[in-house]
Amino acid sequence: MKFIIIGLGNFGSTLGLRLVEDGHEVLGVDENLSIVNMFQEKLTHTISMDTTDELAIQRLPLSDTDVVIISIGEDIGASVTTTALIKKYCDTKIISRAISPVHHTILEAMGIKDIIHPEADFADQLATRLIVDGALKTLVLDSKFEIVEANLPSSLEGLTVAEAGLREKYDISIVTILKKRERRNLLGVKVERSEVVGVPQPDMVFQPQDTLVLFGKMEDIQAFLKATSD
């Protein structure tokens, strides 16, 4: 796929590097020339430009792009203006980053459907990770239930899903299992990725380095991780 990322701060650049690593084409855009130069050898293409300039926006290859991501961090005015211009000249998917509730409301009023809050989302995940010892990633569904990624406790290695009995013992469910796999991306570079095994069957055997995706109440998941920790 082809992506344009506008704003190469911590979030935009990290996202771009990950997409390139997976074999996608990324055009990175930023007004700061030094930042553009920093990533010119790491992203597919980079360009320094003022994206609040309508003529500059028209020079971007918008018709040949699958997704445009506007990740401008601190300047709400620049973000809104850039988003408006991209929306004017682009028919493909647009994802905009919001840095405040007001910013979100403005983007929403402009008709942007995909609005992300990376800092707020990470803060929520980090808060839960600090509370639930052993959690890698979290997704809070409501005030009671959440989905948590956690490393497989060594005490469960070699057991089957049925033998572990997480539902019976802790009232939590295994949504799926992520297994480490080494593969080559579209550029031929070896990368290690987690592959989803699908719906776990009762006879599936846990292996070292498995990651469990668990569903349940926070206190129940926490009890499971505490009870099975080394």
C-alpha atoms as a PDB file:
ATOM      1  CA  MET A   1       0.000   0.000   0.000  1.00  0.00           C
ATOM      2  CA  LYS A   2       0.995   3.632  -0.440  1.00  0.00           C
ATOM      3  CA  PHE A   3       0.821   6.090   2.451  1.00  0.00           C
ATOM      4  CA  ILE A   4       1.416   9.798   2.877  1.00  0.00           C
ATOM      5  CA  ILE A   5       2.280  10.822   6.429  1.00  0.00           C
ATOM      6  CA  ILE A   6       2.179  14.555   7.120  1.00  0.00           C
ATOM      7  CA  GLY A   7       4.077  15.437  10.280  1.00  0.00           C
ATOM      8  CA  LEU A   8       7.197  13.431  11.119  1.00  0.00           C
ATOM      9  CA  GLY A   9       7.267  13.897  14.870  1.00  0.00           C
ATOM     10  CA  ASN A  10       7.601  10.925  17.219  1.00  0.00           C
ATOM     11  CA  PHE A  11       4.257   9.426  16.241  1.00  0.00           C
ATOM     12  CA  GLY A  12       4.379  10.099  12.493  1.00  0.00           C
ATOM     13  CA  SER A  13       7.967   8.954  12.035  1.00  0.00           C
ATOM     14  CA  THR A  14       7.504   5.799  14.127  1.00  0.00           C
ATOM     15  CA  LEU A  15       4.393   4.902  12.149  1.00  0.00           C
ATOM     16  CA  GLY A  16       6.185   5.535   8.876  1.00  0.00           C
ATOM     17  CA  LEU A  17       9.188   3.397   9.808  1.00  0.00           C
ATOM     18  CA  ARG A  18       6.926   0.519  10.816  1.00  0.00           C
ATOM     19  CA  LEU A  19       4.988   0.697   7.545  1.00  0.00           C
ATOM     20  CA  VAL A  20       8.202   0.718   5.511  1.00  0.00           C
ATOM     21  CA  GLU A  21       9.501  -2.218   7.540  1.00  0.00           C
ATOM     22  CA  ASP A  22       6.407  -4.149   6.492  1.00  0.00           C
ATOM     23  CA  GLY A  23       7.091  -3.388   2.830  1.00  0.00           C
ATOM     24  CA  HIS A  24       4.755  -0.459   2.202  1.00  0.00           C
ATOM     25  CA  GLU A  25       5.594   2.776   0.414  1.00  0.00           C
ATOM     26  CA  VAL A  26       5.625   5.858   2.634  1.00  0.00           C
ATOM     27  CA  LEU A  27       5.978   9.486   1.586  1.00  0.00           C
ATOM     28  CA  GLY A  28       6.929  11.468   4.680  1.00  0.00           C
ATOM     29  CA  VAL A  29       6.114  15.183   4.696  1.00  0.00           C
ATOM     30  CA  ASP A  30       7.245  17.785   7.207  1.00  0.00           C
ATOM     31  CA  GLU A  31       7.888  21.534   7.147  1.00  0.00           C
ATOM     32  CA  ASN A  32      11.130  21.099   9.095  1.00  0.00           C
ATOM     33  CA  LEU A  33      13.906  20.353   6.601  1.00  0.00           C
ATOM     34  CA  SER A  34      16.234  18.886   9.228  1.00  0.00           C
ATOM     35  CA  ILE A  35      13.599  16.325  10.205  1.00  0.00           C
ATOM     36  CA  VAL A  36      12.987  15.482   6.548  1.00  0.00           C
ATOM     37  CA  ASN A  37      16.706  14.956   6.014  1.00  0.00           C
ATOM     38  CA  MET A  38      16.838  12.705   9.067  1.00  0.00           C
ATOM     39  CA  PHE A  39      14.373  10.266   7.499  1.00  0.00           C
ATOM     40  CA  GLN A  40      15.221  10.561   3.817  1.00  0.00           C
ATOM     41  CA  GLU A  41      17.158   7.276   3.865  1.00  0.00           C
ATOM     42  CA  LYS A  42      14.634   5.478   6.075  1.00  0.00           C
ATOM     43  CA  LEU A  43      11.303   6.247   4.418  1.00  0.00           C
ATOM     44  CA  THR A  44      10.500   5.571   0.764  1.00  0.00           C
ATOM     45  CA  HIS A  45      10.361   9.277  -0.055  1.00  0.00           C
ATOM     46  CA  THR A  46      10.496  12.477   2.003  1.00  0.00           C
ATOM     47  CA  ILE A  47       9.650  16.054   1.166  1.00  0.00           C
ATOM     48  CA  SER A  48       9.823  19.360   3.038  1.00  0.00           C
ATOM     49  CA  MET A  49       6.822  21.590   2.472  1.00  0.00           C
ATOM     50  CA  ASP A  50       4.256  23.833   4.121  1.00  0.00           C
ATOM     51  CA  THR A  51       1.076  21.784   4.007  1.00  0.00           C
ATOM     52  CA  THR A  52      -1.078  24.809   4.798  1.00  0.00           C
ATOM     53  CA  ASP A  53      -0.180  26.063   1.291  1.00  0.00           C
ATOM     54  CA  GLU A  54      -2.882  24.986  -1.155  1.00  0.00           C
ATOM     55  CA  LEU A  55      -0.528  24.988  -4.136  1.00  0.00           C
ATOM     56  CA  ALA A  56       1.898  22.766  -2.260  1.00  0.00           C
ATOM     57  CA  ILE A  57      -0.863  20.295  -1.379  1.00  0.00           C
ATOM     58  CA  GLN A  58      -1.814  20.031  -5.052  1.00  0.00           C
ATOM     59  CA  ARG A  59       1.703  18.822  -5.844  1.00  0.00           C
ATOM     60  CA  LEU A  60       1.386  15.783  -3.584  1.00  0.00           C
ATOM     61  CA  PRO A  61       0.580  12.444  -5.323  1.00  0.00           C
ATOM     62  CA  LEU A  62      -2.822  12.226  -3.657  1.00  0.00           C
ATOM     63  CA  SER A  63      -4.500  10.316  -6.494  1.00  0.00           C
ATOM     64  CA  ASP A  64      -1.824   7.616  -6.268  1.00  0.00           C
ATOM     65  CA  THR A  65      -2.107   7.122  -2.495  1.00  0.00           C
ATOM     66  CA  ASP A  66      -4.174   4.660  -0.475  1.00  0.00           C
ATOM     67  CA  VAL A  67      -4.175   6.477   2.884  1.00  0.00           C
ATOM     68  CA  VAL A  68      -3.218   9.989   4.002  1.00  0.00           C
ATOM     69  CA  ILE A  69      -2.328  10.328   7.688  1.00  0.00           C
ATOM     70  CA  ILE A  70      -2.176  13.824   9.157  1.00  0.00           C
ATOM     71  CA  SER A  71      -0.102  13.495  12.314  1.00  0.00           C
ATOM     72  CA  ILE A  72       0.793  17.141  12.973  1.00  0.00           C
ATOM     73  CA  GLY A  73       1.342  17.323  16.706  1.00  0.00           C
ATOM     74  CA  GLU A  74       1.197  20.739  18.367  1.00  0.00           C
ATOM     75  CA  ASP A  75      -0.152  23.241  15.839  1.00  0.00           C
ATOM     76  CA  ILE A  76      -3.922  22.753  15.763  1.00  0.00           C
ATOM     77  CA  GLY A  77      -4.330  25.479  13.152  1.00  0.00           C
ATOM     78  CA  ALA A  78      -1.868  23.818  10.787  1.00  0.00           C
ATOM     79  CA  SER A  79      -3.515  20.447  11.376  1.00  0.00           C
ATOM     80  CA  VAL A  80      -7.008  21.739  10.627  1.00  0.00           C
ATOM     81  CA  THR A  81      -5.905  23.693   7.541  1.00  0.00           C
ATOM     82  CA  THR A  82      -3.923  20.740   6.212  1.00  0.00           C
ATOM     83  CA  THR A  83      -6.826  18.379   6.823  1.00  0.00           C
ATOM     84  CA  ALA A  84      -9.223  20.713   5.007  1.00  0.00           C
ATOM     85  CA  LEU A  85      -6.924  20.976   1.987  1.00  0.00           C
ATOM     86  CA  ILE A  86      -6.284  17.242   1.853  1.00  0.00           C
ATOM     87  CA  LYS A  87     -10.021  16.609   2.054  1.00  0.00           C
ATOM     88  CA  LYS A  88     -10.581  19.056  -0.799  1.00  0.00           C
ATOM     89  CA  TYR A  89      -8.169  17.343  -3.170  1.00  0.00           C
ATOM     90  CA  CYS A  90      -8.147  13.738  -1.949  1.00  0.00           C
ATOM     91  CA  ASP A  91     -10.791  11.032  -2.372  1.00  0.00           C
ATOM     92  CA  THR A  92      -8.861   8.353  -0.523  1.00  0.00           C
ATOM     93  CA  LYS A  93      -8.935   7.491   3.183  1.00  0.00           C
ATOM     94  CA  ILE A  94      -7.887  10.283   5.541  1.00  0.00           C
ATOM     95  CA  ILE A  95      -6.779   9.716   9.131  1.00  0.00           C
ATOM     96  CA  SER A  96      -6.223  12.775  11.315  1.00  0.00           C
ATOM     97  CA  ARG A  97      -4.579  13.025  14.708  1.00  0.00           C
ATOM     98  CA  ALA A  98      -6.383  15.071  17.370  1.00  0.00           C
ATOM     99  CA  ILE A  99      -4.478  16.509  20.331  1.00  0.00           C
ATOM    100  CA  SER A 100      -7.418  17.886  22.330  1.00  0.00           C
ATOM    101  CA  PRO A 101     -11.198  17.475  22.625  1.00  0.00           C
ATOM    102  CA  VAL A 102     -11.721  20.768  20.779  1.00  0.00           C
ATOM    103  CA  HIS A 103      -9.425  19.619  17.987  1.00  0.00           C
ATOM    104  CA  HIS A 104     -11.397  16.375  17.760  1.00  0.00           C
ATOM    105  CA  THR A 105     -14.678  18.286  17.555  1.00  0.00           C
ATOM    106  CA  ILE A 106     -13.369  20.469  14.730  1.00  0.00           C
ATOM    107  CA  LEU A 107     -12.152  17.464  12.742  1.00  0.00           C
ATOM    108  CA  GLU A 108     -15.447  15.715  13.350  1.00  0.00           C
ATOM    109  CA  ALA A 109     -17.350  18.764  12.084  1.00  0.00           C
ATOM    110  CA  MET A 110     -15.195  18.663   8.945  1.00  0.00           C
ATOM    111  CA  GLY A 111     -16.442  15.169   8.225  1.00  0.00           C
ATOM    112  CA  ILE A 112     -13.274  13.273   9.195  1.00  0.00           C
ATOM    113  CA  LYS A 113     -14.355   9.831  10.364  1.00  0.00           C
ATOM    114  CA  ASP A 114     -10.987   8.373  11.334  1.00  0.00           C
ATOM    115  CA  ILE A 115      -9.638  10.479  14.210  1.00  0.00           C
ATOM    116  CA  ILE A 116      -6.880   9.107  16.416  1.00  0.00           C
ATOM    117  CA  HIS A 117      -5.573  10.129  19.852  1.00  0.00           C
ATOM    118  CA  PRO A 118      -2.222   8.312  20.206  1.00  0.00           C
ATOM    119  CA  GLU A 119      -1.167  10.040  23.439  1.00  0.00           C
ATOM    120  CA  ALA A 120      -4.507   9.494  25.174  1.00  0.00           C
ATOM    121  CA  ASP A 121      -4.756   5.901  23.943  1.00  0.00           C
ATOM    122  CA  PHE A 122      -1.247   5.138  25.166  1.00  0.00           C
ATOM    123  CA  ALA A 123      -1.961   6.793  28.526  1.00  0.00           C
ATOM    124  CA  ASP A 124      -5.028   4.569  28.996  1.00  0.00           C
ATOM    125  CA  GLN A 125      -3.042   1.473  28.077  1.00  0.00           C
ATOM    126  CA  LEU A 126      -0.138   2.436  30.317  1.00  0.00           C
ATOM    127  CA  ALA A 127      -2.437   3.079  33.258  1.00  0.00           C
ATOM    128  CA  THR A 128      -3.928  -0.382  32.944  1.00  0.00           C
ATOM    129  CA  ARG A 129      -0.513  -1.976  32.434  1.00  0.00           C
ATOM    130  CA  LEU A 130       0.657  -0.357  35.669  1.00  0.00           C
ATOM    131  CA  ILE A 131      -2.390  -1.730  37.480  1.00  0.00           C
ATOM    132  CA  VAL A 132      -2.347  -5.197  35.874  1.00  0.00           C
ATOM    133  CA  ASP A 133       1.150  -6.517  36.488  1.00  0.00           C
ATOM    134  CA  GLY A 134       2.328  -8.574  33.502  1.00  0.00           C
ATOM    135  CA  ALA A 135       0.087  -6.958  30.887  1.00  0.00           C
ATOM    136  CA  LEU A 136       1.743  -6.036  27.564  1.00  0.00           C
ATOM    137  CA  LYS A 137      -1.122  -4.246  25.836  1.00  0.00           C
ATOM    138  CA  THR A 138      -4.648  -3.471  26.925  1.00  0.00           C
ATOM    139  CA  LEU A 139      -7.961  -2.447  25.415  1.00  0.00           C
ATOM    140  CA  VAL A 140     -10.562  -1.243  27.912  1.00  0.00           C
ATOM    141  CA  LEU A 141     -14.030  -2.072  26.581  1.00  0.00           C
ATOM    142  CA  ASP A 142     -16.038  -0.486  29.395  1.00  0.00           C
ATOM    143  CA  SER A 143     -15.819   0.016  33.141  1.00  0.00           C
ATOM    144  CA  LYS A 144     -15.773  -3.754  33.770  1.00  0.00           C
ATOM    145  CA  PHE A 145     -14.280  -5.697  30.869  1.00  0.00           C
ATOM    146  CA  GLU A 146     -11.085  -5.424  28.896  1.00  0.00           C
ATOM    147  CA  ILE A 147      -8.834  -7.276  26.486  1.00  0.00           C
ATOM    148  CA  VAL A 148      -5.254  -7.772  27.632  1.00  0.00           C
ATOM    149  CA  GLU A 149      -2.171  -9.149  25.877  1.00  0.00           C
ATOM    150  CA  ALA A 150       0.187 -10.955  28.239  1.00  0.00           C
ATOM    151  CA  ASN A 151       3.207 -13.209  27.896  1.00  0.00           C
ATOM    152  CA  LEU A 152       2.453 -16.860  28.500  1.00  0.00           C
ATOM    153  CA  PRO A 153       3.430 -17.730  32.091  1.00  0.00           C
ATOM    154  CA  SER A 154       6.142 -20.393  32.069  1.00  0.00           C
ATOM    155  CA  SER A 155       3.989 -22.539  34.369  1.00  0.00           C
ATOM    156  CA  LEU A 156       1.554 -23.069  31.475  1.00  0.00           C
ATOM    157  CA  GLU A 157       4.157 -24.137  28.910  1.00  0.00           C
ATOM    158  CA  GLY A 158       3.360 -27.571  27.512  1.00  0.00           C
ATOM    159  CA  LEU A 159      -0.233 -27.536  28.764  1.00  0.00           C
ATOM    160  CA  THR A 160      -3.232 -27.499  26.463  1.00  0.00           C
ATOM    161  CA  VAL A 161      -5.869 -24.787  26.547  1.00  0.00           C
ATOM    162  CA  ALA A 162      -8.251 -27.260  28.182  1.00  0.00           C
ATOM    163  CA  GLU A 163      -5.701 -28.288  30.826  1.00  0.00           C
ATOM    164  CA  ALA A 164      -4.977 -24.663  31.740  1.00  0.00           C
ATOM    165  CA  GLY A 165      -8.679 -24.150  32.490  1.00  0.00           C
ATOM    166  CA  LEU A 166      -8.584 -20.363  32.575  1.00  0.00           C
ATOM    167  CA  ARG A 167     -12.343 -20.018  32.243  1.00  0.00           C
ATOM    168  CA  GLU A 168     -13.062 -22.443  35.057  1.00  0.00           C
ATOM    169  CA  LYS A 169     -10.316 -21.192  37.411  1.00  0.00           C
ATOM    170  CA  TYR A 170     -10.278 -17.464  36.748  1.00  0.00           C
ATOM    171  CA  ASP A 171     -13.453 -16.698  34.742  1.00  0.00           C
ATOM    172  CA  ILE A 172     -11.431 -15.315  31.822  1.00  0.00           C
ATOM    173  CA  SER A 173     -11.356 -16.374  28.181  1.00  0.00           C
ATOM    174  CA  ILE A 174      -8.507 -16.780  25.711  1.00  0.00           C
ATOM    175  CA  VAL A 175      -9.541 -14.787  22.644  1.00  0.00           C
ATOM    176  CA  THR A 176      -6.562 -15.994  20.626  1.00  0.00           C
ATOM    177  CA  ILE A 177      -2.846 -16.760  20.868  1.00  0.00           C
ATOM    178  CA  LEU A 178      -0.053 -14.843  19.144  1.00  0.00           C
ATOM    179  CA  LYS A 179       2.958 -16.883  18.064  1.00  0.00           C
ATOM    180  CA  LYS A 180       6.344 -15.451  17.050  1.00  0.00           C
ATOM    181  CA  ARG A 181       7.223 -16.053  13.413  1.00  0.00           C
ATOM    182  CA  GLU A 182      10.195 -14.865  11.372  1.00  0.00           C
ATOM    183  CA  ARG A 183       9.361 -13.861   7.806  1.00  0.00           C
ATOM    184  CA  ARG A 184      10.564 -11.632   5.033  1.00  0.00           C
ATOM    185  CA  ASN A 185       8.645  -8.464   4.238  1.00  0.00           C
ATOM    186  CA  LEU A 186       7.979  -7.184   0.719  1.00  0.00           C
ATOM    187  CA  LEU A 187      11.477  -5.688   0.648  1.00  0.00           C
ATOM    188  CA  GLY A 188      13.085  -9.022   1.504  1.00  0.00           C
ATOM    189  CA  VAL A 189      14.110  -7.969   5.011  1.00  0.00           C
ATOM    190  CA  LYS A 190      13.747 -10.530   7.793  1.00  0.00           C
ATOM    191  CA  VAL A 191      11.373  -9.337  10.511  1.00  0.00           C
ATOM    192  CA  GLU A 192       9.853 -11.074  13.502  1.00  0.00           C
ATOM    193  CA  ARG A 193       6.106 -10.706  13.760  1.00  0.00           C
ATOM    194  CA  SER A 194       3.353 -12.144  15.896  1.00  0.00           C
ATOM    195  CA  GLU A 195       0.862 -14.256  13.957  1.00  0.00           C
ATOM    196  CA  VAL A 196      -2.673 -14.859  15.179  1.00  0.00           C
ATOM    197  CA  VAL A 197      -3.559 -18.552  15.415  1.00  0.00           C
ATOM    198  CA  GLY A 198      -7.301 -17.953  15.252  1.00  0.00           C
ATOM    199  CA  VAL A 199      -9.785 -19.320  17.772  1.00  0.00           C
ATOM    200  CA  PRO A 200      -7.817 -21.539  20.201  1.00  0.00           C
ATOM    201  CA  GLN A 201      -8.970 -25.145  20.284  1.00  0.00           C
ATOM    202  CA  PRO A 202      -9.068 -27.100  23.582  1.00  0.00           C
ATOM    203  CA  ASP A 203      -6.186 -29.363  22.456  1.00  0.00           C
ATOM    204  CA  MET A 204      -3.880 -26.518  21.397  1.00  0.00           C
ATOM    205  CA  VAL A 205      -0.592 -26.693  23.299  1.00  0.00           C
ATOM    206  CA  PHE A 206       0.996 -23.584  24.811  1.00  0.00           C
ATOM    207  CA  GLN A 207       4.561 -22.973  23.667  1.00  0.00           C
ATOM    208  CA  PRO A 208       7.338 -20.703  24.981  1.00  0.00           C
ATOM    209  CA  GLN A 209       7.127 -17.105  23.707  1.00  0.00           C
ATOM    210  CA  ASP A 210       3.370 -17.382  23.106  1.00  0.00           C
ATOM    211  CA  THR A 211       1.359 -14.254  23.826  1.00  0.00           C
ATOM    212  CA  LEU A 212      -2.127 -14.705  25.247  1.00  0.00           C
ATOM    213  CA  VAL A 213      -4.962 -12.370  24.288  1.00  0.00           C
ATOM    214  CA  LEU A 214      -7.313 -12.501  27.276  1.00  0.00           C
ATOM    215  CA  PHE A 215     -10.838 -11.234  27.815  1.00  0.00           C
ATOM    216  CA  GLY A 216     -12.397 -10.649  31.200  1.00  0.00           C
ATOM    217  CA  LYS A 217     -12.647  -8.354  34.188  1.00  0.00           C
ATOM    218  CA  MET A 218      -9.508  -6.498  35.223  1.00  0.00           C
ATOM    219  CA  GLU A 219      -9.416  -8.070  38.675  1.00  0.00           C
ATOM    220  CA  ASP A 220      -9.793 -11.597  37.262  1.00  0.00           C
ATOM    221  CA  ILE A 221      -7.010 -11.119  34.695  1.00  0.00           C
ATOM    222  CA  GLN A 222      -4.835  -9.600  37.394  1.00  0.00           C
ATOM    223  CA  ALA A 223      -5.511 -12.583  39.668  1.00  0.00           C
ATOM    224  CA  PHE A 224      -4.553 -15.006  36.886  1.00  0.00           C
ATOM    225  CA  LEU A 225      -1.286 -13.213  36.087  1.00  0.00           C
ATOM    226  CA  LYS A 226      -0.365 -12.980  39.748  1.00  0.00           C
ATOM    227  CA  ALA A 227      -1.165 -16.611  40.470  1.00  0.00           C
ATOM    228  CA  THR A 228       0.815 -17.940  37.520  1.00  0.00           C
ATOM    229  CA  SER A 229       3.808 -15.615  37.760  1.00  0.00           C
ATOM    230  CA  ASP A 230       7.207 -17.137  38.391  1.00  0.00           C
END
